[in-house]
PDB file of N, CA and C in Angstrom:
ATOM      1  N   MET A   1     165.989  86.285  66.796  1.00  0.00           N
ATOM      2  CA  MET A   1     165.000  87.067  67.546  1.00  0.00           C
ATOM      3  C   MET A   1     164.279  88.070  66.702  1.00  0.00           C
ATOM      4  N   ILE A   2     165.076  88.706  65.718  1.00  0.00           N
ATOM      5  CA  ILE A   2     164.455  89.640  64.863  1.00  0.00           C
ATOM      6  C   ILE A   2     163.410  88.952  63.812  1.00  0.00           C
ATOM      7  N   ARG A   3     163.755  87.827  63.365  1.00  0.00           N
ATOM      8  CA  ARG A   3     162.727  87.181  62.438  1.00  0.00           C
ATOM      9  C   ARG A   3     161.367  86.900  63.230  1.00  0.00           C
ATOM     10  N   HIS A   4     161.532  86.346  64.563  1.00  0.00           N
ATOM     11  CA  HIS A   4     160.332  86.189  65.321  1.00  0.00           C
ATOM     12  C   HIS A   4     159.550  87.511  65.627  1.00  0.00           C
ATOM     13  N   THR A   5     160.342  88.463  65.858  1.00  0.00           N
ATOM     14  CA  THR A   5     159.785  89.787  66.160  1.00  0.00           C
ATOM     15  C   THR A   5     158.941  90.285  64.834  1.00  0.00           C
ATOM     16  N   ILE A   6     159.398  90.107  63.699  1.00  0.00           N
ATOM     17  CA  ILE A   6     158.781  90.491  62.508  1.00  0.00           C
ATOM     18  C   ILE A   6     157.501  89.684  62.244  1.00  0.00           C
ATOM     19  N   VAL A   7     157.649  88.314  62.423  1.00  0.00           N
ATOM     20  CA  VAL A   7     156.495  87.509  62.318  1.00  0.00           C
ATOM     21  C   VAL A   7     155.356  88.026  63.194  1.00  0.00           C
ATOM     22  N   ILE A   8     155.579  88.175  64.435  1.00  0.00           N
ATOM     23  CA  ILE A   8     154.558  88.608  65.423  1.00  0.00           C
ATOM     24  C   ILE A   8     153.963  90.008  64.984  1.00  0.00           C
ATOM     25  N   TRP A   9     154.844  90.855  64.469  1.00  0.00           N
ATOM     26  CA  TRP A   9     154.350  92.116  63.980  1.00  0.00           C
ATOM     27  C   TRP A   9     153.286  91.948  62.961  1.00  0.00           C
ATOM     28  N   PHE A  10     153.435  90.994  62.074  1.00  0.00           N
ATOM     29  CA  PHE A  10     152.439  90.674  61.031  1.00  0.00           C
ATOM     30  C   PHE A  10     151.067  90.232  61.733  1.00  0.00           C
ATOM     31  N   VAL A  11     151.266  89.529  62.733  1.00  0.00           N
ATOM     32  CA  VAL A  11     150.044  89.092  63.536  1.00  0.00           C
ATOM     33  C   VAL A  11     149.422  90.344  64.118  1.00  0.00           C
ATOM     34  N   LEU A  12     150.179  91.282  64.611  1.00  0.00           N
ATOM     35  CA  LEU A  12     149.540  92.507  65.086  1.00  0.00           C
ATOM     36  C   LEU A  12     148.922  93.227  64.125  1.00  0.00           C
ATOM     37  N   VAL A  13     149.466  93.326  62.823  1.00  0.00           N
ATOM     38  CA  VAL A  13     148.814  94.019  61.755  1.00  0.00           C
ATOM     39  C   VAL A  13     147.490  93.313  61.465  1.00  0.00           C
ATOM     40  N   ALA A  14     147.475  92.103  61.423  1.00  0.00           N
ATOM     41  CA  ALA A  14     146.208  91.387  61.110  1.00  0.00           C
ATOM     42  C   ALA A  14     145.157  91.682  62.061  1.00  0.00           C
ATOM     43  N   LEU A  15     145.567  91.611  63.301  1.00  0.00           N
ATOM     44  CA  LEU A  15     144.595  92.073  64.401  1.00  0.00           C
ATOM     45  C   LEU A  15     144.254  93.418  64.331  1.00  0.00           C
ATOM     46  N   ALA A  16     145.007  94.358  63.983  1.00  0.00           N
ATOM     47  CA  ALA A  16     144.658  95.753  63.874  1.00  0.00           C
ATOM     48  C   ALA A  16     143.722  95.950  62.718  1.00  0.00           C
ATOM     49  N   ILE A  17     143.849  95.313  61.576  1.00  0.00           N
ATOM     50  CA  ILE A  17     142.935  95.329  60.484  1.00  0.00           C
ATOM     51  C   ILE A  17     141.487  94.830  60.899  1.00  0.00           C
ATOM     52  N   VAL A  18     141.519  93.680  61.560  1.00  0.00           N
ATOM     53  CA  VAL A  18     140.238  93.118  62.017  1.00  0.00           C
ATOM     54  C   VAL A  18     139.560  94.073  63.045  1.00  0.00           C
ATOM     55  N   ASN A  19     140.371  94.576  63.861  1.00  0.00           N
ATOM     56  CA  ASN A  19     139.918  95.635  64.922  1.00  0.00           C
ATOM     57  C   ASN A  19     139.182  96.833  64.063  1.00  0.00           C
ATOM     58  N   GLY A  20     139.861  97.299  63.079  1.00  0.00           N
ATOM     59  CA  GLY A  20     139.286  98.415  62.309  1.00  0.00           C
ATOM     60  C   GLY A  20     138.045  98.068  61.710  1.00  0.00           C
ATOM     61  N   ALA A  21     137.972  96.891  61.049  1.00  0.00           N
ATOM     62  CA  ALA A  21     136.845  96.508  60.384  1.00  0.00           C
ATOM     63  C   ALA A  21     135.756  96.315  61.368  1.00  0.00           C
ATOM     64  N   VAL A  22     135.968  95.765  62.495  1.00  0.00           N
ATOM     65  CA  VAL A  22     134.823  95.617  63.608  1.00  0.00           C
ATOM     66  C   VAL A  22     134.357  96.986  64.019  1.00  0.00           C
ATOM     67  N   ARG A  23     135.250  97.928  64.159  1.00  0.00           N
ATOM     68  CA  ARG A  23     134.984  99.250  64.605  1.00  0.00           C
ATOM     69  C   ARG A  23     134.025  99.861  63.522  1.00  0.00           C
ATOM     70  N   GLU A  24     134.419  99.819  62.146  1.00  0.00           N
ATOM     71  CA  GLU A  24     133.515 100.405  61.137  1.00  0.00           C
ATOM     72  C   GLU A  24     132.236  99.828  60.950  1.00  0.00           C
ATOM     73  N   ALA A  25     132.260  98.459  61.033  1.00  0.00           N
ATOM     74  CA  ALA A  25     131.012  97.711  60.815  1.00  0.00           C
ATOM     75  C   ALA A  25     130.085  97.686  62.002  1.00  0.00           C
ATOM     76  N   LEU A  26     130.528  97.516  63.195  1.00  0.00           N
ATOM     77  CA  LEU A  26     129.725  97.308  64.373  1.00  0.00           C
ATOM     78  C   LEU A  26     129.731  98.416  65.354  1.00  0.00           C
ATOM     79  N   LEU A  27     130.691  99.000  65.649  1.00  0.00           N
ATOM     80  CA  LEU A  27     130.928 100.127  66.597  1.00  0.00           C
ATOM     81  C   LEU A  27     130.393 101.430  66.133  1.00  0.00           C
ATOM     82  N   VAL A  28     130.863 101.928  64.985  1.00  0.00           N
ATOM     83  CA  VAL A  28     130.504 103.198  64.415  1.00  0.00           C
ATOM     84  C   VAL A  28     128.875 103.427  64.366  1.00  0.00           C
ATOM     85  N   PRO A  29     128.200 102.409  63.773  1.00  0.00           N
ATOM     86  CA  PRO A  29     126.768 102.625  63.622  1.00  0.00           C
ATOM     87  C   PRO A  29     126.077 102.529  64.983  1.00  0.00           C
ATOM     88  N   ARG A  30     126.606 101.821  65.937  1.00  0.00           N
ATOM     89  CA  ARG A  30     125.954 101.964  67.253  1.00  0.00           C
ATOM     90  C   ARG A  30     126.268 103.015  68.200  1.00  0.00           C
ATOM     91  N   ILE A  31     127.503 103.403  68.296  1.00  0.00           N
ATOM     92  CA  ILE A  31     127.859 104.426  69.290  1.00  0.00           C
ATOM     93  C   ILE A  31     128.520 105.569  68.669  1.00  0.00           C
ATOM     94  N   GLY A  32     128.625 105.727  67.370  1.00  0.00           N
ATOM     95  CA  GLY A  32     129.291 106.854  66.671  1.00  0.00           C
ATOM     96  C   GLY A  32     130.787 106.899  66.578  1.00  0.00           C
ATOM     97  N   PRO A  33     131.304 107.578  65.669  1.00  0.00           N
ATOM     98  CA  PRO A  33     132.772 107.443  65.320  1.00  0.00           C
ATOM     99  C   PRO A  33     133.760 107.881  66.435  1.00  0.00           C
ATOM    100  N   ALA A  34     133.240 108.894  67.278  1.00  0.00           N
ATOM    101  CA  ALA A  34     134.226 109.197  68.322  1.00  0.00           C
ATOM    102  C   ALA A  34     134.375 108.169  69.463  1.00  0.00           C
ATOM    103  N   ALA A  35     133.297 107.688  69.859  1.00  0.00           N
ATOM    104  CA  ALA A  35     133.296 106.660  70.900  1.00  0.00           C
ATOM    105  C   ALA A  35     133.948 105.311  70.234  1.00  0.00           C
ATOM    106  N   ALA A  36     133.537 105.099  69.092  1.00  0.00           N
ATOM    107  CA  ALA A  36     133.975 103.861  68.438  1.00  0.00           C
ATOM    108  C   ALA A  36     135.628 103.975  68.426  1.00  0.00           C
ATOM    109  N   HIS A  37     136.097 105.116  68.082  1.00  0.00           N
ATOM    110  CA  HIS A  37     137.489 105.233  68.038  1.00  0.00           C
ATOM    111  C   HIS A  37     138.128 105.044  69.377  1.00  0.00           C
ATOM    112  N   VAL A  38     137.657 105.500  70.364  1.00  0.00           N
ATOM    113  CA  VAL A  38     138.164 105.257  71.777  1.00  0.00           C
ATOM    114  C   VAL A  38     138.142 103.767  72.175  1.00  0.00           C
ATOM    115  N   VAL A  39     136.975 103.163  71.861  1.00  0.00           N
ATOM    116  CA  VAL A  39     136.734 101.672  72.158  1.00  0.00           C
ATOM    117  C   VAL A  39     137.693 100.879  71.430  1.00  0.00           C
ATOM    118  N   SER A  40     137.830 101.222  70.212  1.00  0.00           N
ATOM    119  CA  SER A  40     138.618 100.387  69.267  1.00  0.00           C
ATOM    120  C   SER A  40     140.170 100.498  69.620  1.00  0.00           C
ATOM    121  N   THR A  41     140.580 101.702  69.996  1.00  0.00           N
ATOM    122  CA  THR A  41     141.841 101.886  70.548  1.00  0.00           C
ATOM    123  C   THR A  41     142.242 101.129  71.643  1.00  0.00           C
ATOM    124  N   ILE A  42     141.355 101.198  72.648  1.00  0.00           N
ATOM    125  CA  ILE A  42     141.531 100.438  73.906  1.00  0.00           C
ATOM    126  C   ILE A  42     141.618  98.932  73.708  1.00  0.00           C
ATOM    127  N   THR A  43     140.793  98.421  72.783  1.00  0.00           N
ATOM    128  CA  THR A  43     140.730  97.055  72.189  1.00  0.00           C
ATOM    129  C   THR A  43     142.022  96.704  71.723  1.00  0.00           C
ATOM    130  N   LEU A  44     142.506  97.474  70.791  1.00  0.00           N
ATOM    131  CA  LEU A  44     143.715  97.142  70.121  1.00  0.00           C
ATOM    132  C   LEU A  44     144.901  97.226  71.056  1.00  0.00           C
ATOM    133  N   CYS A  45     144.952  98.098  72.010  1.00  0.00           N
ATOM    134  CA  CYS A  45     146.040  98.092  72.921  1.00  0.00           C
ATOM    135  C   CYS A  45     146.049  96.883  73.786  1.00  0.00           C
ATOM    136  N   ALA A  46     144.874  96.462  74.205  1.00  0.00           N
ATOM    137  CA  ALA A  46     144.684  95.188  74.936  1.00  0.00           C
ATOM    138  C   ALA A  46     145.172  94.053  74.104  1.00  0.00           C
ATOM    139  N   LEU A  47     144.829  93.983  72.988  1.00  0.00           N
ATOM    140  CA  LEU A  47     145.228  92.818  72.032  1.00  0.00           C
ATOM    141  C   LEU A  47     146.738  92.865  71.888  1.00  0.00           C
ATOM    142  N   ILE A  48     147.400  94.034  71.719  1.00  0.00           N
ATOM    143  CA  ILE A  48     148.791  94.003  71.649  1.00  0.00           C
ATOM    144  C   ILE A  48     149.533  93.444  72.877  1.00  0.00           C
ATOM    145  N   VAL A  49     149.006  93.900  73.984  1.00  0.00           N
ATOM    146  CA  VAL A  49     149.603  93.404  75.311  1.00  0.00           C
ATOM    147  C   VAL A  49     149.440  91.834  75.480  1.00  0.00           C
ATOM    148  N   VAL A  50     148.245  91.298  75.147  1.00  0.00           N
ATOM    149  CA  VAL A  50     148.021  89.879  75.072  1.00  0.00           C
ATOM    150  C   VAL A  50     149.061  89.231  74.123  1.00  0.00           C
ATOM    151  N   VAL A  51     149.112  89.756  72.912  1.00  0.00           N
ATOM    152  CA  VAL A  51     150.054  88.996  71.986  1.00  0.00           C
ATOM    153  C   VAL A  51     151.405  89.100  72.347  1.00  0.00           C
ATOM    154  N   ALA A  52     151.799  90.310  72.961  1.00  0.00           N
ATOM    155  CA  ALA A  52     153.239  90.359  73.430  1.00  0.00           C
ATOM    156  C   ALA A  52     153.519  89.276  74.521  1.00  0.00           C
ATOM    157  N   TRP A  53     152.520  89.201  75.487  1.00  0.00           N
ATOM    158  CA  TRP A  53     152.743  88.420  76.526  1.00  0.00           C
ATOM    159  C   TRP A  53     152.753  86.948  76.031  1.00  0.00           C
ATOM    160  N   LEU A  54     151.838  86.527  75.091  1.00  0.00           N
ATOM    161  CA  LEU A  54     152.035  85.196  74.540  1.00  0.00           C
ATOM    162  C   LEU A  54     153.164  84.960  73.728  1.00  0.00           C
ATOM    163  N   ALA A  55     153.665  85.921  73.049  1.00  0.00           N
ATOM    164  CA  ALA A  55     154.820  85.787  72.093  1.00  0.00           C
ATOM    165  C   ALA A  55     156.106  85.967  72.624  1.00  0.00           C
ATOM    166  N   THR A  56     156.331  86.604  73.702  1.00  0.00           N
ATOM    167  CA  THR A  56     157.635  86.989  74.441  1.00  0.00           C
ATOM    168  C   THR A  56     158.497  85.707  74.521  1.00  0.00           C
ATOM    169  N   GLY A  57     157.922  84.646  74.909  1.00  0.00           N
ATOM    170  CA  GLY A  57     158.776  83.395  75.100  1.00  0.00           C
ATOM    171  C   GLY A  57     159.253  82.917  73.812  1.00  0.00           C
ATOM    172  N   TRP A  58     158.472  83.026  72.687  1.00  0.00           N
ATOM    173  CA  TRP A  58     158.923  82.557  71.422  1.00  0.00           C
ATOM    174  C   TRP A  58     159.919  83.587  70.683  1.00  0.00           C
ATOM    175  N   ILE A  59     159.655  84.859  70.951  1.00  0.00           N
ATOM    176  CA  ILE A  59     160.630  85.815  70.450  1.00  0.00           C
ATOM    177  C   ILE A  59     161.974  85.806  71.090  1.00  0.00           C
ATOM    178  N   GLY A  60     161.995  85.604  72.355  1.00  0.00           N
ATOM    179  CA  GLY A  60     163.167  85.227  73.053  1.00  0.00           C
ATOM    180  C   GLY A  60     164.043  86.374  73.570  1.00  0.00           C
ATOM    181  N   PRO A  61     163.587  87.538  73.838  1.00  0.00           N
ATOM    182  CA  PRO A  61     164.453  88.560  74.444  1.00  0.00           C
ATOM    183  C   PRO A  61     165.060  88.123  75.832  1.00  0.00           C
ATOM    184  N   THR A  62     166.278  88.261  76.040  1.00  0.00           N
ATOM    185  CA  THR A  62     166.969  87.756  77.197  1.00  0.00           C
ATOM    186  C   THR A  62     167.239  88.901  78.291  1.00  0.00           C
ATOM    187  N   THR A  63     167.135  90.160  77.879  1.00  0.00           N
ATOM    188  CA  THR A  63     167.339  91.300  78.666  1.00  0.00           C
ATOM    189  C   THR A  63     166.218  92.303  78.467  1.00  0.00           C
ATOM    190  N   ALA A  64     166.157  93.268  79.401  1.00  0.00           N
ATOM    191  CA  ALA A  64     165.264  94.342  79.222  1.00  0.00           C
ATOM    192  C   ALA A  64     165.496  95.072  77.882  1.00  0.00           C
ATOM    193  N   ARG A  65     166.704  95.320  77.663  1.00  0.00           N
ATOM    194  CA  ARG A  65     167.145  96.036  76.364  1.00  0.00           C
ATOM    195  C   ARG A  65     166.605  95.205  75.166  1.00  0.00           C
ATOM    196  N   ALA A  66     166.795  94.092  75.214  1.00  0.00           N
ATOM    197  CA  ALA A  66     166.506  93.173  74.082  1.00  0.00           C
ATOM    198  C   ALA A  66     164.870  93.326  73.899  1.00  0.00           C
ATOM    199  N   ALA A  67     164.092  93.276  74.982  1.00  0.00           N
ATOM    200  CA  ALA A  67     162.682  93.341  74.961  1.00  0.00           C
ATOM    201  C   ALA A  67     162.189  94.827  74.378  1.00  0.00           C
ATOM    202  N   LEU A  68     162.921  95.763  74.794  1.00  0.00           N
ATOM    203  CA  LEU A  68     162.619  97.103  74.350  1.00  0.00           C
ATOM    204  C   LEU A  68     163.130  97.271  72.835  1.00  0.00           C
ATOM    205  N   THR A  69     163.922  96.530  72.469  1.00  0.00           N
ATOM    206  CA  THR A  69     164.477  96.498  70.929  1.00  0.00           C
ATOM    207  C   THR A  69     163.162  95.922  70.208  1.00  0.00           C
ATOM    208  N   VAL A  70     162.670  94.785  70.693  1.00  0.00           N
ATOM    209  CA  VAL A  70     161.551  94.217  69.979  1.00  0.00           C
ATOM    210  C   VAL A  70     160.349  95.419  69.959  1.00  0.00           C
ATOM    211  N   GLY A  71     160.163  96.021  70.961  1.00  0.00           N
ATOM    212  CA  GLY A  71     159.090  97.065  70.949  1.00  0.00           C
ATOM    213  C   GLY A  71     159.398  98.149  69.990  1.00  0.00           C
ATOM    214  N   LEU A  72     160.622  98.518  70.002  1.00  0.00           N
ATOM    215  CA  LEU A  72     161.039  99.717  69.099  1.00  0.00           C
ATOM    216  C   LEU A  72     160.952  99.205  67.592  1.00  0.00           C
ATOM    217  N   LEU A  73     161.208  98.004  67.162  1.00  0.00           N
ATOM    218  CA  LEU A  73     161.095  97.579  65.960  1.00  0.00           C
ATOM    219  C   LEU A  73     159.613  97.411  65.506  1.00  0.00           C
ATOM    220  N   TRP A  74     158.785  97.021  66.497  1.00  0.00           N
ATOM    221  CA  TRP A  74     157.380  97.003  66.253  1.00  0.00           C
ATOM    222  C   TRP A  74     156.828  98.381  65.974  1.00  0.00           C
ATOM    223  N   LEU A  75     157.243  99.276  66.900  1.00  0.00           N
ATOM    224  CA  LEU A  75     156.938 100.658  66.745  1.00  0.00           C
ATOM    225  C   LEU A  75     157.449 101.202  65.311  1.00  0.00           C
ATOM    226  N   LEU A  76     158.508 101.045  64.902  1.00  0.00           N
ATOM    227  CA  LEU A  76     159.071 101.615  63.637  1.00  0.00           C
ATOM    228  C   LEU A  76     158.245 100.950  62.434  1.00  0.00           C
ATOM    229  N   MET A  77     158.150  99.622  62.528  1.00  0.00           N
ATOM    230  CA  MET A  77     157.395  98.987  61.378  1.00  0.00           C
ATOM    231  C   MET A  77     155.843  99.490  61.332  1.00  0.00           C
ATOM    232  N   THR A  78     155.324  99.693  62.490  1.00  0.00           N
ATOM    233  CA  THR A  78     153.916 100.185  62.742  1.00  0.00           C
ATOM    234  C   THR A  78     153.833 101.602  61.984  1.00  0.00           C
ATOM    235  N   LEU A  79     154.597 102.409  62.536  1.00  0.00           N
ATOM    236  CA  LEU A  79     154.614 103.856  61.941  1.00  0.00           C
ATOM    237  C   LEU A  79     154.866 103.870  60.480  1.00  0.00           C
ATOM    238  N   ALA A  80     155.837 103.200  60.063  1.00  0.00           N
ATOM    239  CA  ALA A  80     156.067 103.164  58.591  1.00  0.00           C
ATOM    240  C   ALA A  80     154.921 102.604  57.912  1.00  0.00           C
ATOM    241  N   PHE A  81     154.311 101.546  58.356  1.00  0.00           N
ATOM    242  CA  PHE A  81     153.166 100.942  57.647  1.00  0.00           C
ATOM    243  C   PHE A  81     151.967 102.060  57.536  1.00  0.00           C
ATOM    244  N   GLU A  82     151.702 102.610  58.812  1.00  0.00           N
ATOM    245  CA  GLU A  82     150.609 103.459  58.978  1.00  0.00           C
ATOM    246  C   GLU A  82     150.755 104.651  58.041  1.00  0.00           C
ATOM    247  N   PHE A  83     151.881 105.266  58.041  1.00  0.00           N
ATOM    248  CA  PHE A  83     152.006 106.490  57.308  1.00  0.00           C
ATOM    249  C   PHE A  83     152.411 106.221  55.757  1.00  0.00           C
ATOM    250  N   LEU A  84     153.355 105.411  55.487  1.00  0.00           N
ATOM    251  CA  LEU A  84     153.704 105.108  54.069  1.00  0.00           C
ATOM    252  C   LEU A  84     152.630 104.447  53.469  1.00  0.00           C
ATOM    253  N   ALA A  85     152.036 103.363  53.936  1.00  0.00           N
ATOM    254  CA  ALA A  85     150.934 102.670  53.197  1.00  0.00           C
ATOM    255  C   ALA A  85     149.780 103.389  53.305  1.00  0.00           C
ATOM    256  N   GLY A  86     149.446 104.146  54.393  1.00  0.00           N
ATOM    257  CA  GLY A  86     148.157 104.918  54.531  1.00  0.00           C
ATOM    258  C   GLY A  86     148.312 105.953  53.408  1.00  0.00           C
ATOM    259  N   HIS A  87     149.424 106.537  53.202  1.00  0.00           N
ATOM    260  CA  HIS A  87     149.438 107.701  52.235  1.00  0.00           C
ATOM    261  C   HIS A  87     149.519 107.352  50.863  1.00  0.00           C
ATOM    262  N   PHE A  88     150.533 106.386  50.558  1.00  0.00           N
ATOM    263  CA  PHE A  88     150.915 105.887  49.167  1.00  0.00           C
ATOM    264  C   PHE A  88     150.014 104.711  48.666  1.00  0.00           C
ATOM    265  N   LEU A  89     149.576 103.918  49.413  1.00  0.00           N
ATOM    266  CA  LEU A  89     148.839 102.780  48.979  1.00  0.00           C
ATOM    267  C   LEU A  89     147.307 103.096  49.153  1.00  0.00           C
ATOM    268  N   PHE A  90     146.923 103.758  50.208  1.00  0.00           N
ATOM    269  CA  PHE A  90     145.424 103.927  50.419  1.00  0.00           C
ATOM    270  C   PHE A  90     145.019 105.455  50.134  1.00  0.00           C
ATOM    271  N   GLY A  91     145.939 106.227  49.910  1.00  0.00           N
ATOM    272  CA  GLY A  91     145.704 107.555  49.354  1.00  0.00           C
ATOM    273  C   GLY A  91     145.158 108.480  50.469  1.00  0.00           C
ATOM    274  N   LYS A  92     145.419 108.319  51.697  1.00  0.00           N
ATOM    275  CA  LYS A  92     145.022 109.151  52.699  1.00  0.00           C
ATOM    276  C   LYS A  92     145.962 110.450  52.703  1.00  0.00           C
ATOM    277  N   ALA A  93     145.461 111.579  52.901  1.00  0.00           N
ATOM    278  CA  ALA A  93     146.164 112.842  53.068  1.00  0.00           C
ATOM    279  C   ALA A  93     146.987 112.736  54.321  1.00  0.00           C
ATOM    280  N   TRP A  94     148.097 113.398  54.307  1.00  0.00           N
ATOM    281  CA  TRP A  94     148.976 113.528  55.545  1.00  0.00           C
ATOM    282  C   TRP A  94     148.258 114.031  56.620  1.00  0.00           C
ATOM    283  N   PRO A  95     147.459 115.190  56.580  1.00  0.00           N
ATOM    284  CA  PRO A  95     146.744 115.749  57.637  1.00  0.00           C
ATOM    285  C   PRO A  95     145.807 114.700  58.346  1.00  0.00           C
ATOM    286  N   VAL A  96     145.114 113.935  57.449  1.00  0.00           N
ATOM    287  CA  VAL A  96     144.081 112.882  57.966  1.00  0.00           C
ATOM    288  C   VAL A  96     145.013 111.820  58.751  1.00  0.00           C
ATOM    289  N   LEU A  97     145.990 111.437  58.354  1.00  0.00           N
ATOM    290  CA  LEU A  97     146.810 110.442  59.123  1.00  0.00           C
ATOM    291  C   LEU A  97     147.381 111.004  60.410  1.00  0.00           C
ATOM    292  N   PHE A  98     147.709 112.298  60.396  1.00  0.00           N
ATOM    293  CA  PHE A  98     148.095 112.788  61.702  1.00  0.00           C
ATOM    294  C   PHE A  98     146.956 113.105  62.697  1.00  0.00           C
ATOM    295  N   ALA A  99     145.845 113.319  62.105  1.00  0.00           N
ATOM    296  CA  ALA A  99     144.700 113.764  62.938  1.00  0.00           C
ATOM    297  C   ALA A  99     144.439 112.849  63.997  1.00  0.00           C
ATOM    298  N   ASP A 100     144.646 111.473  63.851  1.00  0.00           N
ATOM    299  CA  ASP A 100     144.431 110.468  64.953  1.00  0.00           C
ATOM    300  C   ASP A 100     145.329 110.718  66.080  1.00  0.00           C
ATOM    301  N   TYR A 101     146.373 111.354  66.000  1.00  0.00           N
ATOM    302  CA  TYR A 101     147.305 111.710  67.078  1.00  0.00           C
ATOM    303  C   TYR A 101     146.932 112.957  67.877  1.00  0.00           C
ATOM    304  N   ASN A 102     145.809 113.588  67.529  1.00  0.00           N
ATOM    305  CA  ASN A 102     145.458 114.875  68.309  1.00  0.00           C
ATOM    306  C   ASN A 102     144.619 114.634  69.479  1.00  0.00           C
ATOM    307  N   LEU A 103     145.287 114.481  70.565  1.00  0.00           N
ATOM    308  CA  LEU A 103     144.561 114.220  71.967  1.00  0.00           C
ATOM    309  C   LEU A 103     143.610 115.343  72.288  1.00  0.00           C
ATOM    310  N   LEU A 104     143.805 116.533  71.814  1.00  0.00           N
ATOM    311  CA  LEU A 104     142.987 117.672  72.016  1.00  0.00           C
ATOM    312  C   LEU A 104     141.537 117.492  71.361  1.00  0.00           C
ATOM    313  N   ARG A 105     141.509 116.739  70.467  1.00  0.00           N
ATOM    314  CA  ARG A 105     140.330 116.460  69.647  1.00  0.00           C
ATOM    315  C   ARG A 105     139.694 115.100  70.022  1.00  0.00           C
ATOM    316  N   GLY A 106     140.242 114.518  71.104  1.00  0.00           N
ATOM    317  CA  GLY A 106     139.673 113.267  71.523  1.00  0.00           C
ATOM    318  C   GLY A 106     140.169 112.068  70.880  1.00  0.00           C
ATOM    319  N   ARG A 107     141.145 112.296  70.098  1.00  0.00           N
ATOM    320  CA  ARG A 107     141.735 111.149  69.301  1.00  0.00           C
ATOM    321  C   ARG A 107     142.964 110.527  70.103  1.00  0.00           C
ATOM    322  N   VAL A 108     142.690 109.330  70.580  1.00  0.00           N
ATOM    323  CA  VAL A 108     143.598 108.643  71.568  1.00  0.00           C
ATOM    324  C   VAL A 108     144.533 107.557  70.802  1.00  0.00           C
ATOM    325  N   TRP A 109     144.621 107.638  69.532  1.00  0.00           N
ATOM    326  CA  TRP A 109     145.390 106.712  68.868  1.00  0.00           C
ATOM    327  C   TRP A 109     146.896 106.585  69.220  1.00  0.00           C
ATOM    328  N   ILE A 110     147.236 107.699  69.812  1.00  0.00           N
ATOM    329  CA  ILE A 110     148.781 107.735  70.166  1.00  0.00           C
ATOM    330  C   ILE A 110     149.033 106.718  71.169  1.00  0.00           C
ATOM    331  N   PHE A 111     148.072 106.189  71.819  1.00  0.00           N
ATOM    332  CA  PHE A 111     148.364 104.988  72.764  1.00  0.00           C
ATOM    333  C   PHE A 111     148.703 103.769  72.175  1.00  0.00           C
ATOM    334  N   VAL A 112     148.281 103.603  70.868  1.00  0.00           N
ATOM    335  CA  VAL A 112     148.582 102.299  70.238  1.00  0.00           C
ATOM    336  C   VAL A 112     150.220 102.184  69.972  1.00  0.00           C
ATOM    337  N   PRO A 113     150.820 103.258  69.421  1.00  0.00           N
ATOM    338  CA  PRO A 113     152.269 103.096  69.294  1.00  0.00           C
ATOM    339  C   PRO A 113     152.978 103.038  70.556  1.00  0.00           C
ATOM    340  N   ILE A 114     152.433 103.782  71.534  1.00  0.00           N
ATOM    341  CA  ILE A 114     153.144 103.816  72.816  1.00  0.00           C
ATOM    342  C   ILE A 114     152.966 102.348  73.439  1.00  0.00           C
ATOM    343  N   VAL A 115     151.806 101.685  73.413  1.00  0.00           N
ATOM    344  CA  VAL A 115     151.714 100.438  73.899  1.00  0.00           C
ATOM    345  C   VAL A 115     152.418  99.289  73.125  1.00  0.00           C
ATOM    346  N   THR A 116     152.407  99.621  71.809  1.00  0.00           N
ATOM    347  CA  THR A 116     153.273  98.726  70.873  1.00  0.00           C
ATOM    348  C   THR A 116     154.648  98.715  71.250  1.00  0.00           C
ATOM    349  N   MET A 117     155.268  99.781  71.535  1.00  0.00           N
ATOM    350  CA  MET A 117     156.589  99.875  71.870  1.00  0.00           C
ATOM    351  C   MET A 117     156.844  99.302  73.313  1.00  0.00           C
ATOM    352  N   LEU A 118     156.040  99.503  74.278  1.00  0.00           N
ATOM    353  CA  LEU A 118     156.236  99.020  75.612  1.00  0.00           C
ATOM    354  C   LEU A 118     155.749  97.645  75.922  1.00  0.00           C
ATOM    355  N   ALA A 119     154.910  97.151  75.144  1.00  0.00           N
ATOM    356  CA  ALA A 119     154.242  95.774  75.485  1.00  0.00           C
ATOM    357  C   ALA A 119     155.267  94.544  75.647  1.00  0.00           C
ATOM    358  N   PRO A 120     156.186  94.626  74.723  1.00  0.00           N
ATOM    359  CA  PRO A 120     157.277  93.415  74.878  1.00  0.00           C
ATOM    360  C   PRO A 120     158.053  93.582  76.124  1.00  0.00           C
ATOM    361  N   LEU A 121     158.370  94.749  76.526  1.00  0.00           N
ATOM    362  CA  LEU A 121     159.088  95.042  77.785  1.00  0.00           C
ATOM    363  C   LEU A 121     158.224  94.593  78.974  1.00  0.00           C
ATOM    364  N   TRP A 122     156.957  95.017  78.911  1.00  0.00           N
ATOM    365  CA  TRP A 122     156.129  94.689  80.153  1.00  0.00           C
ATOM    366  C   TRP A 122     155.952  93.180  80.182  1.00  0.00           C
ATOM    367  N   ALA A 123     155.712  92.532  78.984  1.00  0.00           N
ATOM    368  CA  ALA A 123     155.584  91.108  78.947  1.00  0.00           C
ATOM    369  C   ALA A 123     156.758  90.344  79.464  1.00  0.00           C
ATOM    370  N   TRP A 124     157.920  90.767  79.009  1.00  0.00           N
ATOM    371  CA  TRP A 124     159.271  90.266  79.536  1.00  0.00           C
ATOM    372  C   TRP A 124     159.414  90.419  81.014  1.00  0.00           C
ATOM    373  N   LYS A 125     158.953  91.465  81.610  1.00  0.00           N
ATOM    374  CA  LYS A 125     159.059  91.682  83.039  1.00  0.00           C
ATOM    375  C   LYS A 125     158.033  90.803  83.804  1.00  0.00           C
ATOM    376  N   ILE A 126     156.776  90.745  83.271  1.00  0.00           N
ATOM    377  CA  ILE A 126     155.712  89.924  83.887  1.00  0.00           C
ATOM    378  C   ILE A 126     156.016  88.461  83.773  1.00  0.00           C
ATOM    379  N   ARG A 127     156.534  87.972  82.683  1.00  0.00           N
ATOM    380  CA  ARG A 127     156.815  86.637  82.546  1.00  0.00           C
ATOM    381  C   ARG A 127     157.980  86.128  83.291  1.00  0.00           C
ATOM    382  N   GLY A 128     158.590  87.031  83.992  1.00  0.00           N
ATOM    383  CA  GLY A 128     159.730  86.629  84.944  1.00  0.00           C
ATOM    384  C   GLY A 128     161.065  86.538  84.182  1.00  0.00           C
ATOM    385  N   ARG A 129     161.150  87.369  83.051  1.00  0.00           N
ATOM    386  CA  ARG A 129     162.456  87.366  82.361  1.00  0.00           C
ATOM    387  C   ARG A 129     162.818  86.078  81.859  1.00  0.00           C
TER     388      ARG A 129
END
């Protein structure tokens, strides 16, 4: 189950990268950075839910706890990638990385990690366990 969980996480990363590229190339010039951020976040959350629903059978959690474990692993890998790669590979300052989590400034990115963690559990429940 862990190997399949990791494979699907790489699919999610690829989708997130494409989502970000679409945001920057198409959405930001048309609707501005703030609206593009919100649309992109909603889009990525929807993609995560769809992938979780499609992949849950292959990943194979047999209990709610196992499904939540999948989500927690996805969450930990996502946060590690976002913050460690963002800072050390891409050179983003820590305040810039944390800024996307500031709901008071209209940054709704916090929903991506939340959905990432919960999507496998939702999918497991919806698919009838």
